[in-house]
Amino acid sequence: MIYIFCAPSGSGKSTMVNHLLTKHPNLFELSISCTTRPPRGKEVHGREYYFISTDEFRQRIENDDFIEYQQVYEGLYYGTLKDEIRRIEEAGRQVLFDVDVKGGINLKNILGDKATSIFICPPSIDELRRRLEGRGDTSPEMIEKRINKAAIELEDMKHFDRVVVNDDLNHAFEQLDAIIDENRNLRR
């Protein structure tokens, strides 16, 4: 089974994914995406992303190496390598995707019933704003951009198989665990 996690920035998507990776270290593995952006902070090639040049990314597009990709801004690409999925499946693990909403919709359209798409939803836009402001690492202008983008992304929630509202972290974990258990029982 493949799981696709998407959410507006600040909704807790990475927290949900990390919960599953910690709870089931031998069951799941996070798919590492490619990007043409430079590493930030302590990011490491092959851990957070595969950092490649724009020219290499475009060559990989021509070689049909991606299951999906997007050009977010001029020259800034993100994508999922087909080999990354194979690598994880050959290791006997289930693939977790932590991608943006458009990428998640694209992946679900491509993978169909092989994947369960899960949208992590904030309890409200006001709470999302509070969380983004509470991080203390985002400018007010960037917070406004993320809030505006979140409003659009929330409209895409209807394209996902399941929605987990992250209003209370423990309750959200319980909802997520129930989805995983349900899928595992269906597969048996």
Protein backbone atom coordinates (compact mmCIF):
# COMPACT_ATOMS: atom_id res chain seq x y z
CA MET A 1 0.00 0.00 0.00
CA ILE A 2 1.11 3.52 -0.74
CA TYR A 3 0.01 6.46 1.39
CA ILE A 4 -0.06 10.03 0.10
CA PHE A 5 -0.09 12.76 2.77
CA CYS A 6 -1.01 16.32 1.87
CA ALA A 7 -1.94 19.41 3.84
CA PRO A 8 -1.68 23.17 3.92
CA SER A 9 1.56 24.37 5.51
CA GLY A 10 1.25 24.30 9.30
CA SER A 11 -1.47 21.63 9.45
CA GLY A 12 0.76 18.95 10.96
CA LYS A 13 1.38 16.74 7.93
CA SER A 14 5.03 16.05 8.78
CA THR A 15 4.05 15.32 12.38
CA MET A 16 1.54 12.72 11.16
CA VAL A 17 4.07 11.11 8.82
CA ASN A 18 6.73 11.04 11.55
CA HIS A 19 4.21 9.40 13.89
CA LEU A 20 3.81 6.50 11.46
CA LEU A 21 7.55 6.22 10.81
CA THR A 22 8.23 6.09 14.55
CA LYS A 23 5.37 3.73 15.40
CA HIS A 24 6.06 1.35 12.48
CA PRO A 25 9.78 1.70 11.59
CA ASN A 26 9.87 -1.60 9.68
CA LEU A 27 6.59 -1.09 7.84
CA PHE A 28 6.86 2.37 6.29
CA GLU A 29 9.49 4.43 4.53
CA LEU A 30 9.26 8.01 3.36
CA SER A 31 9.72 8.61 -0.35
CA ILE A 32 12.40 11.24 -0.93
CA SER A 33 11.52 13.77 -3.61
CA CYS A 34 13.84 15.53 -6.03
CA THR A 35 14.11 19.29 -6.14
CA THR A 36 16.14 21.91 -7.92
CA ARG A 37 16.14 24.26 -4.97
CA PRO A 38 19.28 24.48 -2.84
CA PRO A 39 19.41 22.79 0.57
CA ARG A 40 18.17 24.84 3.53
CA GLY A 41 19.78 24.81 6.94
CA LYS A 42 20.98 21.31 7.82
CA GLU A 43 19.21 19.51 4.95
CA VAL A 44 21.23 16.68 3.44
CA HIS A 45 21.10 15.28 -0.09
CA GLY A 46 19.37 11.90 0.04
CA ARG A 47 17.73 12.54 3.41
CA GLU A 48 15.26 15.42 3.01
CA TYR A 49 15.49 15.66 -0.79
CA TYR A 50 17.62 14.67 -3.71
CA PHE A 51 19.05 18.07 -4.64
CA ILE A 52 19.79 18.20 -8.37
CA SER A 53 20.39 20.89 -10.96
CA THR A 54 17.64 22.24 -13.19
CA ASP A 55 19.43 20.75 -16.21
CA GLU A 56 19.57 17.30 -14.59
CA PHE A 57 15.91 17.57 -13.59
CA ARG A 58 14.91 18.44 -17.16
CA GLN A 59 17.00 15.53 -18.47
CA ARG A 60 15.24 13.18 -16.06
CA ILE A 61 11.89 14.49 -17.34
CA GLU A 62 12.99 13.63 -20.89
CA ASN A 63 14.10 10.18 -19.68
CA ASP A 64 10.64 9.61 -18.12
CA ASP A 65 12.24 9.03 -14.70
CA PHE A 66 9.46 10.75 -12.72
CA ILE A 67 6.09 9.34 -11.75
CA GLU A 68 5.04 12.97 -11.25
CA TYR A 69 6.70 16.37 -11.13
CA GLN A 70 5.83 20.03 -11.02
CA GLN A 71 7.48 23.27 -11.89
CA VAL A 72 6.47 25.39 -8.90
CA TYR A 73 8.20 28.54 -10.13
CA GLU A 74 10.41 29.22 -13.13
CA GLY A 75 13.33 26.81 -12.80
CA LEU A 76 12.12 25.42 -9.45
CA TYR A 77 11.02 21.81 -9.80
CA TYR A 78 9.87 19.10 -7.41
CA GLY A 79 9.25 15.52 -8.43
CA THR A 80 8.96 11.87 -7.44
CA LEU A 81 11.31 9.36 -9.04
CA LYS A 82 9.90 6.02 -10.16
CA ASP A 83 13.09 4.40 -8.83
CA GLU A 84 12.36 5.75 -5.35
CA ILE A 85 9.08 3.84 -5.18
CA ARG A 86 10.79 0.68 -6.48
CA ARG A 87 13.59 1.02 -3.94
CA ILE A 88 11.16 1.21 -1.01
CA GLU A 89 8.93 -1.60 -2.25
CA GLU A 90 11.93 -3.87 -2.91
CA ALA A 91 12.98 -3.27 0.71
CA GLY A 92 9.60 -4.73 1.73
CA ARG A 93 8.20 -1.46 3.04
CA GLN A 94 5.15 0.62 2.26
CA VAL A 95 5.69 4.00 0.64
CA LEU A 96 4.75 7.24 2.41
CA PHE A 97 4.56 10.42 0.38
CA ASP A 98 4.73 13.81 2.08
CA VAL A 99 3.91 16.10 -0.85
CA ASP A 100 2.05 19.30 -1.64
CA VAL A 101 -1.65 19.13 -2.47
CA LYS A 102 -1.29 19.33 -6.27
CA GLY A 103 1.42 16.67 -6.24
CA GLY A 104 -0.76 14.46 -4.06
CA ILE A 105 -3.72 14.77 -6.40
CA ASN A 106 -1.44 13.94 -9.34
CA LEU A 107 0.00 10.90 -7.54
CA LYS A 108 -3.46 9.61 -6.61
CA ASN A 109 -4.64 10.00 -10.21
CA ILE A 110 -1.62 8.03 -11.42
CA LEU A 111 -1.59 5.34 -8.70
CA GLY A 112 -5.36 4.90 -8.32
CA ASP A 113 -6.35 2.12 -5.92
CA LYS A 114 -2.70 1.31 -5.14
CA ALA A 115 -2.64 4.43 -2.97
CA THR A 116 -4.67 5.94 -0.16
CA SER A 117 -4.59 9.73 -0.16
CA ILE A 118 -4.90 11.43 3.22
CA PHE A 119 -5.52 15.14 3.69
CA ILE A 120 -4.43 16.60 7.03
CA CYS A 121 -6.76 19.48 7.74
CA PRO A 122 -6.34 22.29 10.25
CA PRO A 123 -9.35 22.90 12.49
CA SER A 124 -9.70 26.41 11.05
CA ILE A 125 -7.84 29.07 9.07
CA ASP A 126 -7.50 31.11 12.29
CA GLU A 127 -5.82 28.19 14.05
CA LEU A 128 -3.57 27.66 11.03
CA ARG A 129 -2.52 31.32 11.19
CA ARG A 130 -1.82 30.96 14.93
CA ARG A 131 0.37 27.89 14.29
CA LEU A 132 2.32 29.57 11.50
CA GLU A 133 2.88 32.68 13.63
CA GLY A 134 3.89 30.49 16.58
CA ARG A 135 6.72 28.93 14.61
CA GLY A 136 8.57 32.22 14.75
CA ASP A 137 10.52 31.49 11.56
CA THR A 138 8.14 32.89 8.96
CA SER A 139 7.72 36.50 7.88
CA PRO A 140 4.24 38.08 8.05
CA GLU A 141 4.23 38.31 4.24
CA MET A 142 5.00 34.60 3.88
CA ILE A 143 2.34 33.75 6.45
CA GLU A 144 -0.23 35.64 4.36
CA LYS A 145 0.90 33.77 1.23
CA ARG A 146 0.57 30.44 3.05
CA ILE A 147 -2.86 31.33 4.45
CA ASN A 148 -4.09 32.34 0.99
CA LYS A 149 -2.68 29.14 -0.50
CA ALA A 150 -4.25 27.10 2.32
CA ALA A 151 -7.69 28.49 1.52
CA ILE A 152 -7.30 27.22 -2.04
CA GLU A 153 -5.87 23.88 -0.92
CA LEU A 154 -8.79 23.29 1.47
CA GLU A 155 -11.07 23.38 -1.58
CA ASP A 156 -9.09 20.42 -2.98
CA MET A 157 -9.76 18.33 0.13
CA LYS A 158 -12.65 16.66 -1.71
CA HIS A 159 -10.15 14.89 -4.00
CA PHE A 160 -8.70 12.83 -1.13
CA ASP A 161 -9.74 9.40 0.12
CA ARG A 162 -9.57 10.34 3.79
CA VAL A 163 -9.42 13.54 5.86
CA VAL A 164 -7.86 13.80 9.31
CA VAL A 165 -8.69 17.00 11.18
CA ASN A 166 -5.69 17.92 13.32
CA ASP A 167 -7.51 19.76 16.10
CA ASP A 168 -6.04 17.63 18.89
CA LEU A 169 -2.77 15.82 18.17
CA ASN A 170 -3.59 12.60 20.07
CA HIS A 171 -7.03 12.42 18.46
CA ALA A 172 -5.47 13.00 15.02
CA PHE A 173 -2.98 10.18 15.68
CA GLU A 174 -5.90 7.90 16.64
CA GLN A 175 -7.74 8.78 13.41
CA LEU A 176 -4.61 8.08 11.38
CA ASP A 177 -3.90 4.79 13.15
CA ALA A 178 -7.50 3.69 12.49
CA ILE A 179 -7.06 4.40 8.75
CA ILE A 180 -3.85 2.37 8.65
CA ASP A 181 -5.40 -0.52 10.60
CA GLU A 182 -8.46 -0.51 8.35
CA ASN A 183 -6.31 -0.64 5.21
CA ARG A 184 -4.13 -3.42 6.63
CA ASN A 185 -7.23 -5.47 7.49
CA LEU A 186 -8.67 -4.93 4.00
CA ARG A 187 -5.41 -6.11 2.42
CA ARG A 188 -5.42 -9.35 4.42
